[in-house]
Protein backbone atom coordinates (compact mmCIF):
# COMPACT_ATOMS: atom_id res chain seq x y z
CA MET A 1 -40.14 10.63 -47.06
CA LYS A 2 -36.94 11.78 -45.38
CA ILE A 3 -37.73 13.38 -42.00
CA LEU A 4 -35.56 15.36 -39.60
CA ALA A 5 -37.27 15.03 -36.19
CA ILE A 6 -36.79 17.21 -33.11
CA GLU A 7 -37.80 16.50 -29.48
CA THR A 8 -37.47 19.04 -26.63
CA SER A 9 -40.53 18.48 -24.45
CA CYS A 10 -38.68 18.10 -21.15
CA ASP A 11 -35.03 17.47 -20.27
CA GLU A 12 -33.87 15.45 -23.28
CA THR A 13 -32.67 17.19 -26.43
CA SER A 14 -33.04 14.70 -29.27
CA LEU A 15 -32.71 14.74 -33.05
CA ALA A 16 -33.26 11.90 -35.49
CA LEU A 17 -33.02 11.46 -39.22
CA LEU A 18 -35.27 8.76 -40.62
CA ASP A 19 -36.75 7.57 -43.86
CA ALA A 20 -40.43 6.60 -43.90
CA LYS A 21 -42.25 4.69 -46.62
CA GLY A 22 -45.53 2.94 -47.25
CA GLY A 23 -49.13 3.48 -46.24
CA LEU A 24 -51.02 3.04 -43.00
CA LYS A 25 -51.26 -0.74 -43.51
CA ASN A 26 -47.66 -1.31 -44.53
CA LEU A 27 -45.05 0.95 -42.92
CA THR A 28 -41.28 0.91 -43.25
CA PHE A 29 -39.05 3.12 -41.12
CA SER A 30 -35.32 3.45 -41.50
CA VAL A 31 -33.61 5.38 -38.70
CA GLU A 32 -30.36 6.69 -40.09
CA LYS A 33 -29.20 8.81 -37.17
CA HIS A 34 -30.58 9.17 -33.65
CA LEU A 35 -29.01 11.36 -30.98
CA ILE A 36 -30.03 12.27 -27.42
CA SER A 37 -28.40 14.77 -25.08
CA SER A 38 -29.52 14.28 -21.48
CA GLN A 39 -29.82 17.07 -18.91
CA ILE A 40 -30.06 14.80 -15.86
CA LYS A 41 -26.85 16.05 -14.26
CA LEU A 42 -27.96 19.66 -14.68
CA HIS A 43 -31.34 19.19 -12.98
CA ARG A 44 -30.39 16.57 -10.37
CA PRO A 45 -29.34 19.10 -7.69
CA PHE A 46 -32.84 20.62 -7.91
CA GLY A 47 -34.66 17.27 -7.59
CA GLY A 48 -36.56 17.85 -10.83
CA VAL A 49 -36.57 19.72 -14.12
CA VAL A 50 -36.20 23.52 -14.02
CA PRO A 51 -38.05 24.75 -17.15
CA ASN A 52 -35.90 27.78 -17.99
CA LEU A 53 -32.68 25.83 -17.47
CA ALA A 54 -34.06 23.13 -19.76
CA LYS A 55 -34.87 25.72 -22.44
CA ARG A 56 -31.36 27.17 -22.21
CA GLU A 57 -29.78 23.75 -22.65
CA HIS A 58 -32.06 22.87 -25.57
CA THR A 59 -31.15 26.12 -27.30
CA LYS A 60 -27.46 25.31 -26.84
CA ASN A 61 -27.71 21.64 -27.79
CA LEU A 62 -29.98 21.80 -30.86
CA PRO A 63 -27.42 23.23 -33.31
CA LEU A 64 -24.71 20.95 -31.89
CA LEU A 65 -26.81 17.82 -32.41
CA CYS A 66 -27.96 18.99 -35.82
CA GLY A 67 -24.32 19.37 -36.80
CA LYS A 68 -23.57 15.84 -35.60
CA ILE A 69 -26.54 14.47 -37.56
CA PHE A 70 -25.04 15.84 -40.76
CA GLY A 71 -21.38 15.30 -39.87
CA ILE A 72 -20.29 18.93 -39.46
CA SER A 73 -18.67 20.53 -36.41
CA ASN A 74 -19.55 24.13 -37.23
CA PHE A 75 -23.28 24.11 -38.00
CA LYS A 76 -24.44 27.30 -39.65
CA PHE A 77 -26.03 28.60 -42.83
CA PRO A 78 -25.17 29.03 -45.65
CA ILE A 79 -23.67 25.54 -45.95
CA SER A 80 -20.54 25.71 -48.06
CA ASN A 81 -19.66 22.00 -48.09
CA LYS A 82 -21.31 20.44 -51.14
CA LYS A 83 -21.62 16.98 -49.57
CA THR A 84 -23.36 18.37 -46.49
CA ALA A 85 -25.58 20.61 -48.61
CA SER A 86 -26.60 17.56 -50.62
CA LYS A 87 -27.63 15.75 -47.41
CA PHE A 88 -29.75 18.72 -46.35
CA SER A 89 -31.37 18.90 -49.76
CA GLN A 90 -32.69 15.34 -49.40
CA ILE A 91 -34.88 16.25 -46.39
CA ASP A 92 -38.58 16.36 -47.21
CA ALA A 93 -39.94 17.37 -43.82
CA ILE A 94 -39.05 18.57 -40.34
CA ALA A 95 -41.04 17.26 -37.37
CA VAL A 96 -41.08 18.89 -33.95
CA THR A 97 -42.85 18.22 -30.64
CA VAL A 98 -45.46 20.88 -29.80
CA GLY A 99 -46.84 19.33 -26.61
CA PRO A 100 -47.48 18.19 -24.02
CA GLY A 101 -44.43 19.22 -22.04
CA LEU A 102 -42.74 22.21 -20.46
CA GLU A 103 -43.65 25.23 -22.55
CA PRO A 104 -40.23 26.94 -22.43
CA ALA A 105 -38.61 23.69 -23.53
CA LEU A 106 -41.19 23.14 -26.27
CA TRP A 107 -40.67 26.64 -27.64
CA ALA A 108 -36.93 26.01 -27.93
CA GLY A 109 -37.57 23.13 -30.34
CA ILE A 110 -40.37 24.89 -32.24
CA THR A 111 -38.30 28.05 -32.75
CA PHE A 112 -35.31 26.04 -33.98
CA ALA A 113 -37.51 24.00 -36.34
CA LYS A 114 -39.15 27.08 -37.84
CA GLU A 115 -35.81 28.80 -38.41
CA LEU A 116 -34.34 25.63 -39.91
CA GLN A 117 -37.29 25.29 -42.28
CA ARG A 118 -36.98 28.95 -43.33
CA LYS A 119 -33.31 28.60 -44.13
CA MET A 120 -33.78 25.30 -45.97
CA ASN A 121 -36.55 26.80 -48.12
CA SER A 122 -34.44 29.75 -49.24
CA GLY A 123 -31.03 30.23 -50.75
CA PRO A 124 -28.88 27.72 -52.62
CA LEU A 125 -30.32 24.60 -50.94
CA THR A 126 -33.59 24.95 -52.86
CA SER A 127 -31.78 24.57 -56.20
CA LEU A 128 -30.48 21.16 -55.15
CA ARG A 129 -33.95 19.72 -54.55
CA ALA A 130 -35.97 17.96 -57.22
CA ASN A 131 -38.53 20.43 -58.59
CA LYS A 132 -37.29 22.91 -55.94
CA ARG A 133 -39.82 21.39 -53.54
CA GLN A 134 -40.39 23.08 -50.17
CA VAL A 135 -39.50 21.39 -46.88
CA ALA A 136 -42.67 20.76 -44.86
CA LEU A 137 -42.90 21.33 -41.10
CA PHE A 138 -45.07 19.10 -38.89
CA GLY A 139 -46.11 19.75 -35.31
CA VAL A 140 -46.30 16.48 -33.38
CA ASN A 141 -48.27 15.40 -30.32
CA HIS A 142 -45.71 13.90 -27.93
CA MET A 143 -48.22 11.39 -26.53
CA GLU A 144 -49.19 10.17 -30.01
CA ALA A 145 -45.49 9.69 -30.67
CA HIS A 146 -45.18 7.50 -27.57
CA LEU A 147 -48.20 5.54 -28.76
CA TYR A 148 -46.62 4.90 -32.16
CA SER A 149 -43.17 4.11 -30.77
CA PHE A 150 -44.00 0.38 -30.79
CA LEU A 151 -43.49 0.59 -34.56
CA LEU A 152 -39.77 0.99 -33.82
CA GLN A 153 -39.37 -2.59 -32.68
CA GLN A 154 -35.76 -3.06 -33.58
CA LYS A 155 -32.69 -0.99 -32.83
CA THR A 156 -32.04 1.00 -35.97
CA VAL A 157 -28.60 2.56 -36.26
CA SER A 158 -27.99 2.76 -39.98
CA SER A 159 -29.93 3.34 -43.17
CA ASN A 160 -29.76 -0.40 -43.91
CA ASP A 161 -31.62 -1.41 -40.74
CA LYS A 162 -35.31 -1.34 -41.58
CA VAL A 163 -38.29 -1.97 -39.35
CA GLN A 164 -41.14 -3.54 -41.28
CA ILE A 165 -44.55 -3.69 -39.64
CA SER A 166 -46.70 -5.98 -41.72
CA ASN A 167 -50.21 -7.38 -41.38
CA LEU A 168 -51.43 -4.53 -39.19
CA LYS A 169 -54.97 -5.83 -39.57
CA GLY A 170 -53.98 -8.91 -37.62
CA ILE A 171 -53.03 -7.02 -34.45
CA PHE A 172 -56.23 -5.02 -33.91
CA PRO A 173 -58.19 -4.43 -31.78
CA MET A 174 -55.30 -3.48 -29.54
CA ILE A 175 -55.16 -2.29 -25.93
CA ALA A 176 -52.54 0.43 -25.44
CA LEU A 177 -51.17 1.31 -22.02
CA VAL A 178 -49.44 4.69 -22.22
CA VAL A 179 -47.46 5.44 -19.07
CA SER A 180 -45.16 8.44 -18.79
CA GLY A 181 -44.17 11.03 -16.22
CA GLY A 182 -47.42 12.97 -16.46
CA HIS A 183 -49.83 10.50 -18.09
CA THR A 184 -51.35 7.11 -17.45
CA ILE A 185 -53.84 6.26 -20.20
CA LEU A 186 -55.59 3.09 -21.36
CA LEU A 187 -56.79 3.01 -24.97
CA LYS A 188 -58.68 0.61 -27.20
CA MET A 189 -57.22 0.92 -30.71
CA ASP A 190 -59.15 -0.28 -33.76
CA SER A 191 -56.40 0.93 -36.11
CA LEU A 192 -53.37 3.19 -36.03
CA ILE A 193 -55.59 6.24 -36.39
CA LYS A 194 -58.79 5.20 -34.63
CA TRP A 195 -58.90 4.74 -30.88
CA LYS A 196 -61.10 5.21 -27.84
CA LYS A 197 -59.87 6.30 -24.45
CA LEU A 198 -61.01 3.79 -21.82
CA GLY A 199 -59.56 5.59 -18.84
CA GLU A 200 -56.74 7.74 -17.51
CA THR A 201 -55.30 8.95 -14.25
CA ARG A 202 -57.46 11.16 -12.03
CA ASP A 203 -54.52 12.59 -10.09
CA ASP A 204 -50.88 11.51 -10.02
CA ALA A 205 -49.73 9.52 -13.03
CA ALA A 206 -47.67 6.38 -12.42
CA GLY A 207 -44.47 8.19 -13.35
CA GLU A 208 -45.22 11.06 -10.99
CA ALA A 209 -45.87 8.58 -8.17
CA PHE A 210 -42.49 6.95 -8.82
CA ASP A 211 -40.74 10.33 -8.68
CA LYS A 212 -42.53 11.45 -5.50
CA VAL A 213 -41.89 8.18 -3.66
CA ALA A 214 -38.24 8.36 -4.74
CA ARG A 215 -37.99 11.78 -3.07
CA MET A 216 -39.52 10.32 0.10
CA LEU A 217 -36.78 7.70 0.02
CA LYS A 218 -34.18 10.41 -0.63
CA LEU A 219 -33.21 8.91 -3.96
CA PRO A 220 -31.67 11.10 -6.68
CA TYR A 221 -33.54 12.45 -9.71
CA PRO A 222 -34.88 10.92 -11.93
CA GLY A 223 -36.78 8.80 -9.41
CA GLY A 224 -38.29 6.07 -11.58
CA PRO A 225 -35.05 4.29 -12.54
CA GLU A 226 -33.71 4.70 -8.98
CA ILE A 227 -36.83 3.04 -7.49
CA ALA A 228 -36.51 0.17 -9.98
CA LYS A 229 -32.83 -0.28 -9.14
CA LEU A 230 -33.41 -0.26 -5.39
CA ALA A 231 -36.42 -2.60 -5.72
CA LEU A 232 -34.11 -5.35 -7.00
CA LYS A 233 -32.62 -5.55 -3.49
CA GLY A 234 -35.95 -5.66 -1.66
CA ASN A 235 -38.89 -7.94 -0.94
CA GLU A 236 -41.90 -6.93 -3.03
CA ASN A 237 -44.25 -8.72 -0.62
CA ALA A 238 -42.87 -7.09 2.52
CA ILE A 239 -45.51 -4.34 2.67
CA ASN A 240 -49.10 -4.63 1.50
CA PHE A 241 -49.59 -1.21 -0.05
CA PRO A 242 -53.08 -0.51 -1.50
CA ARG A 243 -53.98 -1.24 -5.14
CA PRO A 244 -56.25 1.74 -5.94
CA MET A 245 -59.46 1.31 -7.98
CA LEU A 246 -59.09 -2.40 -8.63
CA LYS A 247 -62.61 -3.64 -7.88
CA ILE A 248 -63.97 -5.95 -10.56
CA PRO A 249 -66.37 -3.90 -12.72
CA SER A 250 -69.37 -6.22 -12.19
CA GLU A 251 -69.03 -5.91 -8.42
CA ALA A 252 -68.00 -2.28 -8.23
CA LYS A 253 -70.07 0.72 -7.33
CA GLY A 254 -69.71 4.33 -8.39
CA SER A 255 -66.24 5.59 -9.26
CA GLN A 256 -64.66 2.13 -9.13
CA ASN A 257 -66.59 0.93 -12.17
CA ASN A 258 -64.15 2.12 -14.84
CA TYR A 259 -60.65 1.84 -16.31
CA GLU A 260 -59.34 4.97 -14.67
CA PHE A 261 -56.33 5.21 -12.39
CA SER A 262 -55.40 6.98 -9.17
CA PHE A 263 -51.95 6.82 -7.60
CA SER A 264 -52.20 9.73 -5.14
CA GLY A 265 -53.55 7.51 -2.35
CA LEU A 266 -50.81 4.93 -2.91
CA LYS A 267 -48.21 7.67 -2.69
CA THR A 268 -49.76 8.93 0.55
CA SER A 269 -49.80 5.38 1.96
CA VAL A 270 -46.05 5.17 1.40
CA LEU A 271 -45.61 8.53 3.11
CA TYR A 272 -47.50 7.37 6.20
CA TYR A 273 -45.69 4.04 6.28
CA LEU A 274 -42.31 5.78 6.29
CA ARG A 275 -43.51 8.15 9.01
CA ASP A 276 -44.68 5.29 11.22
CA ASN A 277 -41.76 2.97 10.42
CA PRO A 278 -38.60 5.13 10.43
CA ARG A 279 -36.36 2.05 10.40
CA ALA A 280 -38.04 0.42 7.42
CA LYS A 281 -35.77 -1.04 4.77
CA LYS A 282 -35.84 1.33 1.82
CA ALA A 283 -35.41 -1.55 -0.61
CA ASP A 284 -38.53 -3.27 0.73
CA VAL A 285 -40.51 -0.04 0.46
CA ALA A 286 -39.34 0.49 -3.12
CA ALA A 287 -40.08 -3.10 -4.13
CA SER A 288 -43.50 -3.18 -2.48
CA PHE A 289 -44.50 0.18 -3.94
CA GLN A 290 -43.36 -0.85 -7.42
CA LYS A 291 -45.31 -4.12 -7.12
CA ALA A 292 -48.48 -2.20 -6.23
CA VAL A 293 -48.13 0.06 -9.29
CA VAL A 294 -47.35 -2.86 -11.62
CA ASP A 295 -50.33 -4.82 -10.29
CA VAL A 296 -52.75 -1.95 -10.90
CA LEU A 297 -51.48 -1.27 -14.43
CA SER A 298 -51.36 -4.95 -15.39
CA ILE A 299 -54.71 -6.00 -13.95
CA LYS A 300 -56.62 -3.16 -15.57
CA THR A 301 -54.88 -3.74 -18.88
CA MET A 302 -55.66 -7.46 -18.88
CA ARG A 303 -59.23 -6.84 -17.80
CA SER A 304 -59.72 -4.60 -20.83
CA VAL A 305 -58.11 -7.23 -23.09
CA LYS A 306 -60.75 -9.74 -22.03
CA GLU A 307 -63.67 -7.32 -22.22
CA TYR A 308 -62.83 -6.05 -25.70
CA ARG A 309 -61.38 -9.32 -27.02
CA ALA A 310 -58.18 -7.59 -27.99
CA LYS A 311 -55.59 -9.33 -30.13
CA SER A 312 -52.65 -7.29 -28.89
CA VAL A 313 -51.30 -5.17 -26.07
CA VAL A 314 -48.84 -2.33 -26.52
CA LEU A 315 -46.91 -0.78 -23.64
CA CYS A 316 -45.35 2.62 -24.29
CA GLY A 317 -44.13 5.79 -22.61
CA GLY A 318 -41.23 6.47 -20.27
CA VAL A 319 -42.46 4.11 -17.54
CA ALA A 320 -42.47 1.31 -20.14
CA ALA A 321 -38.72 1.15 -19.47
CA ASN A 322 -39.54 -0.37 -16.07
CA LYS A 323 -38.39 -3.98 -16.37
CA ALA A 324 -40.82 -5.31 -13.75
CA LEU A 325 -43.79 -3.86 -15.64
CA ARG A 326 -42.52 -5.14 -19.00
CA ALA A 327 -41.92 -8.63 -17.64
CA ASN A 328 -45.30 -8.82 -15.92
CA LEU A 329 -47.27 -7.73 -18.98
CA GLU A 330 -45.27 -10.04 -21.22
CA GLN A 331 -46.03 -13.03 -18.98
CA ILE A 332 -49.75 -12.20 -18.76
CA THR A 333 -50.12 -11.64 -22.51
CA ASN A 334 -48.39 -14.95 -23.15
CA ASN A 335 -50.88 -16.65 -20.84
CA LEU A 336 -53.76 -15.03 -22.73
CA SER A 337 -52.21 -15.81 -26.14
CA VAL A 338 -52.28 -12.19 -27.34
CA ASN A 339 -49.50 -10.21 -29.00
CA PHE A 340 -47.33 -7.98 -26.83
CA PHE A 341 -45.52 -4.98 -28.29
CA VAL A 342 -43.12 -2.73 -26.43
CA PRO A 343 -40.48 -0.42 -27.92
CA PRO A 344 -36.80 -1.08 -27.27
CA PHE A 345 -35.51 0.75 -24.19
CA GLU A 346 -33.89 3.31 -26.50
CA TYR A 347 -37.34 4.45 -27.65
CA ASN A 348 -39.23 4.35 -24.32
CA THR A 349 -38.00 7.65 -22.99
CA ASP A 350 -38.34 10.96 -24.83
CA ASN A 351 -36.70 10.63 -28.24
CA ALA A 352 -36.90 12.16 -31.70
CA ALA A 353 -37.26 8.89 -33.63
CA MET A 354 -40.81 8.43 -32.36
CA ILE A 355 -41.55 12.07 -33.26
CA GLY A 356 -40.61 11.29 -36.85
CA VAL A 357 -42.85 8.20 -36.88
CA ALA A 358 -45.83 10.20 -35.61
CA ALA A 359 -45.18 12.95 -38.14
CA TYR A 360 -45.25 10.48 -41.03
CA ILE A 361 -48.49 8.88 -39.85
CA ASN A 362 -50.07 12.33 -39.52
CA TYR A 363 -48.82 13.14 -43.02
CA LEU A 364 -50.60 10.03 -44.32
CA ARG A 365 -53.82 11.02 -42.57
CA LYS A 366 -53.45 14.68 -43.68
CA ARG A 367 -53.27 15.99 -40.12
CA ASN A 368 -51.01 18.56 -38.50
CA TYR A 369 -50.80 20.29 -35.13
CA PRO A 370 -50.38 24.08 -34.77
CA LEU A 371 -46.77 25.15 -34.38
CA GLN A 372 -47.19 26.52 -30.89
CA ALA A 373 -46.35 25.09 -27.48
CA ASP A 374 -49.27 23.39 -25.74
CA ALA A 375 -48.29 22.12 -22.30
CA ASN A 376 -51.62 20.33 -21.82
CA LEU A 377 -51.97 18.59 -25.18
CA ASN A 378 -53.43 15.10 -24.70
CA LEU A 379 -54.51 12.08 -26.69
């Protein structure tokens, strides 16, 4: 199945063209084109993403990126170039993010996808397709796409670079740690399509905590990468920030006896420390804060590995790009002799390639999401 995937959930406009084959136990993905247009410079003066500005940029960038995907500078219908028309005619499906995310941004992608599908299913393009088949349109859950992004384990830049995931039975049960700007979720996966949520954040997600602490330190947006960069210059043991909700389950009482997360108190602890220590080294604060977050995420993940006798751990979501977290989980999984999967950095942040992967898996399981923006969509 040839899929054109679209991602506009926040401040990254992304399109990807990929070929997907196989069943749920034997998947092959070939990413032929993958483009991302970042809006960081636009939103940086505001210290965060402005939804209506993001929508405006998505609306401007979508046709430009679509043109680049198919090698044309003036993207519009009808398509007069026979070679380009032939490329369009090979597409079997369009996939677009429907949530979670910023609703204005989501609607930009959904509207573009619907219009693209309408134009591809009418006019001369239909005559070029085998049996005049119709192009399908899939709504995709952004968080499911992050979850499946580990299937893109190699950088894929041409149609000849394939990613083969074999022997899926041998990697389950799997513990999945999904960490993004607005979500921190721990899952037990029995297969690609069957999972149980063990816990999630009760307040600030890990990514939100990174961004808020970055603002306290007067670091530019986006805060997560800036904290990680500054932390390299600091002492991670300089400040003993709290590790929230880390009591061992057998000894815990009440709300501590779970796999849920809470980073609001940690964030507040940093705020008070900076208030009481105005001359504190920012690098030490960044390093010590990052260490506290990594410890919480890693310890809870490894505890669940032992309890559920998991064979693998997968780390995914935007915060998975944090090198300290990746390195810590890789070391711990090696010590426990379990598999560790993490997408390449290219596929950690919001991207369309993972949207295409999720769309294909949903196609195999005969599932689709409504084509309407849902800011609060969850796993």
